[in-house]
Amino acid sequence: MITVTEKAKERALELMAKESHPTESFIRVGVAGGGCSGLSYSLEFDHELKADDKQFEDKGVKIVCDKKSFLYLVGTQLDFSDGLNGKGFQFINPNASRTCGCGESFAV
């Protein structure tokens, strides 16, 4: 399962409303090769499911990822930080053996 914190939930719902996404929209998370640690995260709003998608819902937020990405993201929590050290969504991934300084890439 992939979960979200309260802060991530609030910010995601706020952005969906602000950007006028359809009511059936969800957060699509994924993993792709690249970044300084080997794998990088992707995060976007979407409203079209694909055949191999895994679907989750936490705190009223729908989260979707493809089957391959799920292998790297199982147990991950999506958080949002608006502190002095950075602003944005962050992946708290228990499967990552190391992450880069910016938190946008990881290795397993």
N, C-alpha and C. Protein backbone atom coordinates (compact mmCIF):
# COMPACT_ATOMS: atom_id res chain seq x y z
N MET A 1 0.83 -1.18 0.00
CA MET A 1 0.00 0.00 0.00
C MET A 1 0.88 1.26 0.00
N ILE A 2 0.38 2.31 -0.57
CA ILE A 2 1.03 3.62 -0.56
C ILE A 2 0.09 4.56 0.18
N THR A 3 0.63 5.30 1.14
CA THR A 3 -0.20 6.16 1.98
C THR A 3 0.20 7.63 1.84
N VAL A 4 -0.63 8.51 2.42
CA VAL A 4 -0.35 9.95 2.41
C VAL A 4 -0.48 10.50 3.82
N THR A 5 0.30 11.51 4.13
CA THR A 5 0.16 12.19 5.40
C THR A 5 -0.97 13.22 5.28
N GLU A 6 -1.39 13.77 6.39
CA GLU A 6 -2.43 14.80 6.37
C GLU A 6 -1.99 16.01 5.55
N LYS A 7 -0.73 16.42 5.72
CA LYS A 7 -0.22 17.58 4.96
C LYS A 7 -0.25 17.31 3.46
N ALA A 8 0.16 16.10 3.06
CA ALA A 8 0.15 15.75 1.64
C ALA A 8 -1.28 15.71 1.11
N LYS A 9 -2.18 15.18 1.88
CA LYS A 9 -3.59 15.13 1.50
C LYS A 9 -4.13 16.53 1.26
N GLU A 10 -3.93 17.41 2.24
CA GLU A 10 -4.44 18.78 2.13
C GLU A 10 -3.88 19.49 0.91
N ARG A 11 -2.58 19.38 0.69
CA ARG A 11 -1.94 20.07 -0.43
C ARG A 11 -2.40 19.49 -1.77
N ALA A 12 -2.51 18.16 -1.86
CA ALA A 12 -2.94 17.52 -3.10
C ALA A 12 -4.36 17.93 -3.46
N LEU A 13 -5.27 17.91 -2.49
CA LEU A 13 -6.65 18.30 -2.75
C LEU A 13 -6.74 19.78 -3.13
N GLU A 14 -5.93 20.59 -2.49
CA GLU A 14 -5.88 22.02 -2.80
C GLU A 14 -5.42 22.24 -4.25
N LEU A 15 -4.36 21.54 -4.65
CA LEU A 15 -3.85 21.67 -6.02
C LEU A 15 -4.83 21.15 -7.06
N MET A 16 -5.50 20.03 -6.76
CA MET A 16 -6.49 19.49 -7.69
C MET A 16 -7.61 20.49 -7.94
N ALA A 17 -8.07 21.12 -6.87
CA ALA A 17 -9.15 22.12 -7.00
C ALA A 17 -8.66 23.34 -7.75
N LYS A 18 -7.48 23.81 -7.40
CA LYS A 18 -6.91 25.02 -8.03
C LYS A 18 -6.68 24.83 -9.52
N GLU A 19 -6.23 23.63 -9.90
CA GLU A 19 -5.92 23.35 -11.30
C GLU A 19 -7.11 22.79 -12.06
N SER A 20 -8.27 22.73 -11.42
CA SER A 20 -9.53 22.29 -12.05
C SER A 20 -9.45 20.88 -12.66
N HIS A 21 -8.89 19.95 -11.91
CA HIS A 21 -8.85 18.56 -12.38
C HIS A 21 -10.24 17.94 -12.23
N PRO A 22 -10.59 16.98 -13.10
CA PRO A 22 -11.90 16.32 -12.97
C PRO A 22 -12.04 15.65 -11.60
N THR A 23 -13.26 15.46 -11.15
CA THR A 23 -13.51 14.88 -9.82
C THR A 23 -12.98 13.46 -9.70
N GLU A 24 -12.83 12.74 -10.81
CA GLU A 24 -12.31 11.37 -10.76
C GLU A 24 -10.79 11.31 -10.79
N SER A 25 -10.13 12.45 -10.67
CA SER A 25 -8.66 12.50 -10.71
C SER A 25 -8.04 11.83 -9.49
N PHE A 26 -6.82 11.41 -9.67
CA PHE A 26 -6.05 10.77 -8.61
C PHE A 26 -4.59 11.17 -8.73
N ILE A 27 -3.81 10.79 -7.74
CA ILE A 27 -2.37 11.03 -7.78
C ILE A 27 -1.72 9.79 -8.38
N ARG A 28 -0.96 9.99 -9.45
CA ARG A 28 -0.20 8.89 -10.04
C ARG A 28 1.25 9.03 -9.60
N VAL A 29 1.77 7.98 -8.96
CA VAL A 29 3.16 7.96 -8.55
C VAL A 29 3.87 6.87 -9.36
N GLY A 30 5.16 7.04 -9.55
CA GLY A 30 5.89 6.05 -10.31
C GLY A 30 7.38 6.16 -10.07
N VAL A 31 8.09 5.25 -10.69
CA VAL A 31 9.55 5.17 -10.60
C VAL A 31 10.09 5.01 -12.01
N ALA A 32 11.16 5.74 -12.30
CA ALA A 32 11.83 5.64 -13.60
C ALA A 32 13.33 5.61 -13.37
N GLY A 33 14.04 5.05 -14.30
CA GLY A 33 15.49 5.06 -14.23
C GLY A 33 16.02 6.47 -14.38
N GLY A 34 17.06 6.81 -13.62
CA GLY A 34 17.66 8.13 -13.72
C GLY A 34 17.85 8.77 -12.37
N GLY A 35 18.30 9.99 -12.37
CA GLY A 35 18.58 10.68 -11.12
C GLY A 35 19.96 10.30 -10.61
N CYS A 36 20.44 11.03 -9.64
CA CYS A 36 21.80 10.81 -9.16
C CYS A 36 21.96 9.53 -8.34
N SER A 37 20.86 8.91 -7.91
CA SER A 37 20.96 7.66 -7.15
C SER A 37 20.54 6.44 -7.96
N GLY A 38 20.13 6.63 -9.21
CA GLY A 38 19.79 5.50 -10.06
C GLY A 38 18.32 5.40 -10.44
N LEU A 39 17.43 5.73 -9.51
CA LEU A 39 15.99 5.69 -9.77
C LEU A 39 15.39 7.02 -9.33
N SER A 40 14.41 7.50 -10.06
CA SER A 40 13.78 8.76 -9.66
C SER A 40 12.27 8.58 -9.56
N TYR A 41 11.67 9.39 -8.71
CA TYR A 41 10.23 9.36 -8.49
C TYR A 41 9.51 10.22 -9.51
N SER A 42 8.29 9.83 -9.85
CA SER A 42 7.43 10.70 -10.64
C SER A 42 6.12 10.87 -9.88
N LEU A 43 5.51 12.02 -10.07
CA LEU A 43 4.30 12.38 -9.34
C LEU A 43 3.49 13.32 -10.22
N GLU A 44 2.23 12.97 -10.47
CA GLU A 44 1.37 13.82 -11.30
C GLU A 44 -0.09 13.51 -11.01
N PHE A 45 -0.95 14.39 -11.44
CA PHE A 45 -2.39 14.12 -11.38
C PHE A 45 -2.79 13.46 -12.68
N ASP A 46 -3.72 12.53 -12.58
CA ASP A 46 -4.20 11.78 -13.74
C ASP A 46 -5.66 11.44 -13.50
N HIS A 47 -6.35 11.03 -14.53
CA HIS A 47 -7.73 10.57 -14.36
C HIS A 47 -8.06 9.37 -15.26
N GLU A 48 -7.02 8.79 -15.87
CA GLU A 48 -7.21 7.61 -16.72
C GLU A 48 -6.40 6.44 -16.18
N LEU A 49 -7.10 5.37 -15.85
CA LEU A 49 -6.44 4.16 -15.36
C LEU A 49 -5.89 3.35 -16.53
N LYS A 50 -4.78 2.65 -16.27
CA LYS A 50 -4.18 1.76 -17.26
C LYS A 50 -4.37 0.32 -16.79
N ALA A 51 -4.20 -0.61 -17.69
CA ALA A 51 -4.50 -2.02 -17.40
C ALA A 51 -3.72 -2.59 -16.22
N ASP A 52 -2.46 -2.21 -16.03
CA ASP A 52 -1.65 -2.81 -14.96
C ASP A 52 -1.57 -1.94 -13.71
N ASP A 53 -2.43 -0.96 -13.57
CA ASP A 53 -2.38 -0.05 -12.42
C ASP A 53 -2.80 -0.72 -11.11
N LYS A 54 -2.12 -0.34 -10.05
CA LYS A 54 -2.50 -0.69 -8.68
C LYS A 54 -3.18 0.55 -8.10
N GLN A 55 -4.31 0.37 -7.43
CA GLN A 55 -5.06 1.50 -6.88
C GLN A 55 -5.14 1.41 -5.37
N PHE A 56 -5.00 2.56 -4.72
CA PHE A 56 -5.08 2.66 -3.27
C PHE A 56 -5.89 3.90 -2.91
N GLU A 57 -6.41 3.92 -1.71
CA GLU A 57 -7.04 5.13 -1.21
C GLU A 57 -6.65 5.28 0.25
N ASP A 58 -6.19 6.47 0.61
CA ASP A 58 -5.81 6.76 1.99
C ASP A 58 -6.28 8.17 2.32
N LYS A 59 -6.98 8.29 3.41
CA LYS A 59 -7.49 9.60 3.87
C LYS A 59 -8.32 10.29 2.80
N GLY A 60 -9.01 9.52 1.98
CA GLY A 60 -9.86 10.09 0.95
C GLY A 60 -9.13 10.48 -0.32
N VAL A 61 -7.84 10.18 -0.41
CA VAL A 61 -7.04 10.51 -1.60
C VAL A 61 -6.76 9.21 -2.37
N LYS A 62 -7.07 9.22 -3.65
CA LYS A 62 -6.79 8.06 -4.50
C LYS A 62 -5.37 8.15 -5.02
N ILE A 63 -4.66 7.03 -4.92
CA ILE A 63 -3.27 6.94 -5.36
C ILE A 63 -3.17 5.76 -6.31
N VAL A 64 -2.50 5.95 -7.43
CA VAL A 64 -2.37 4.91 -8.44
C VAL A 64 -0.91 4.83 -8.87
N CYS A 65 -0.45 3.60 -9.10
CA CYS A 65 0.88 3.42 -9.68
C CYS A 65 0.87 2.17 -10.55
N ASP A 66 1.79 2.11 -11.48
CA ASP A 66 1.88 0.93 -12.33
C ASP A 66 2.51 -0.22 -11.54
N LYS A 67 2.31 -1.40 -12.04
CA LYS A 67 2.74 -2.63 -11.35
C LYS A 67 4.25 -2.65 -11.09
N LYS A 68 5.03 -2.24 -12.07
CA LYS A 68 6.49 -2.26 -11.92
C LYS A 68 6.94 -1.27 -10.84
N SER A 69 6.40 -0.06 -10.86
CA SER A 69 6.75 0.94 -9.85
C SER A 69 6.36 0.50 -8.46
N PHE A 70 5.24 -0.21 -8.35
CA PHE A 70 4.77 -0.65 -7.04
C PHE A 70 5.80 -1.51 -6.33
N LEU A 71 6.57 -2.30 -7.07
CA LEU A 71 7.61 -3.13 -6.46
C LEU A 71 8.62 -2.29 -5.69
N TYR A 72 8.88 -1.07 -6.16
CA TYR A 72 9.81 -0.16 -5.49
C TYR A 72 9.14 0.72 -4.45
N LEU A 73 7.82 0.89 -4.56
CA LEU A 73 7.11 1.85 -3.71
C LEU A 73 6.24 1.25 -2.61
N VAL A 74 6.15 -0.07 -2.55
CA VAL A 74 5.30 -0.69 -1.53
C VAL A 74 5.72 -0.20 -0.13
N GLY A 75 4.75 0.26 0.63
CA GLY A 75 5.03 0.77 1.98
C GLY A 75 5.43 2.23 2.03
N THR A 76 5.48 2.90 0.88
CA THR A 76 5.91 4.30 0.82
C THR A 76 4.81 5.23 1.33
N GLN A 77 5.24 6.30 1.96
CA GLN A 77 4.32 7.35 2.41
C GLN A 77 4.66 8.63 1.66
N LEU A 78 3.64 9.29 1.14
CA LEU A 78 3.81 10.57 0.47
C LEU A 78 3.56 11.67 1.48
N ASP A 79 4.51 12.56 1.62
CA ASP A 79 4.42 13.65 2.59
C ASP A 79 4.57 14.98 1.85
N PHE A 80 4.26 16.06 2.54
CA PHE A 80 4.45 17.40 1.99
C PHE A 80 5.14 18.25 3.03
N SER A 81 6.18 18.94 2.60
CA SER A 81 6.93 19.82 3.49
C SER A 81 6.88 21.23 2.95
N ASP A 82 6.64 22.18 3.83
CA ASP A 82 6.69 23.59 3.41
C ASP A 82 7.63 24.36 4.32
N GLY A 83 8.64 23.66 4.83
CA GLY A 83 9.59 24.26 5.75
C GLY A 83 10.70 25.02 5.05
N LEU A 84 11.61 25.54 5.82
CA LEU A 84 12.72 26.33 5.29
C LEU A 84 13.69 25.52 4.44
N ASN A 85 13.79 24.23 4.71
CA ASN A 85 14.75 23.38 3.99
C ASN A 85 14.22 22.89 2.65
N GLY A 86 13.05 23.27 2.29
CA GLY A 86 12.51 22.83 1.02
C GLY A 86 11.01 22.78 1.06
N LYS A 87 10.42 22.86 -0.11
CA LYS A 87 8.97 22.85 -0.20
C LYS A 87 8.58 21.86 -1.28
N GLY A 88 7.64 21.01 -0.96
CA GLY A 88 7.14 20.10 -1.97
C GLY A 88 6.81 18.73 -1.41
N PHE A 89 6.38 17.87 -2.31
CA PHE A 89 6.03 16.51 -1.93
C PHE A 89 7.31 15.69 -1.77
N GLN A 90 7.28 14.81 -0.79
CA GLN A 90 8.44 13.96 -0.50
C GLN A 90 7.98 12.52 -0.36
N PHE A 91 8.81 11.60 -0.83
CA PHE A 91 8.53 10.18 -0.71
C PHE A 91 9.31 9.63 0.47
N ILE A 92 8.63 9.02 1.41
CA ILE A 92 9.27 8.34 2.53
C ILE A 92 9.19 6.85 2.19
N ASN A 93 10.28 6.34 1.63
CA ASN A 93 10.30 5.01 1.05
C ASN A 93 11.15 4.06 1.88
N PRO A 94 10.53 3.09 2.55
CA PRO A 94 11.29 2.15 3.37
C PRO A 94 12.16 1.19 2.55
N ASN A 95 11.95 1.13 1.25
CA ASN A 95 12.71 0.24 0.39
C ASN A 95 14.00 0.86 -0.13
N ALA A 96 14.16 2.16 0.04
CA ALA A 96 15.34 2.86 -0.47
C ALA A 96 16.54 2.60 0.43
N SER A 97 17.63 2.15 -0.18
CA SER A 97 18.86 1.92 0.60
C SER A 97 19.65 3.22 0.73
N ARG A 98 19.46 4.12 -0.23
CA ARG A 98 20.06 5.46 -0.13
C ARG A 98 19.23 6.41 -0.99
N THR A 99 19.30 7.69 -0.64
CA THR A 99 18.61 8.72 -1.40
C THR A 99 19.58 9.86 -1.67
N CYS A 100 19.25 10.66 -2.65
CA CYS A 100 20.09 11.82 -2.94
C CYS A 100 19.72 12.96 -1.99
N GLY A 101 20.51 13.99 -2.00
CA GLY A 101 20.27 15.13 -1.11
C GLY A 101 18.95 15.83 -1.36
N CYS A 102 18.49 15.86 -2.61
CA CYS A 102 17.24 16.56 -2.92
C CYS A 102 16.02 15.69 -2.67
N GLY A 103 16.22 14.37 -2.48
CA GLY A 103 15.11 13.47 -2.20
C GLY A 103 14.30 13.06 -3.41
N GLU A 104 14.77 13.40 -4.60
CA GLU A 104 14.04 13.07 -5.80
C GLU A 104 14.49 11.78 -6.46
N SER A 105 15.59 11.20 -5.98
CA SER A 105 16.03 9.92 -6.52
C SER A 105 16.51 9.02 -5.38
N PHE A 106 16.58 7.73 -5.69
CA PHE A 106 16.92 6.74 -4.67
C PHE A 106 17.52 5.51 -5.30
N ALA A 107 18.03 4.62 -4.46
CA ALA A 107 18.55 3.33 -4.90
C ALA A 107 17.99 2.26 -3.97
N VAL A 108 17.90 1.04 -4.46
CA VAL A 108 17.43 -0.08 -3.64
C VAL A 108 18.52 -1.11 -3.51
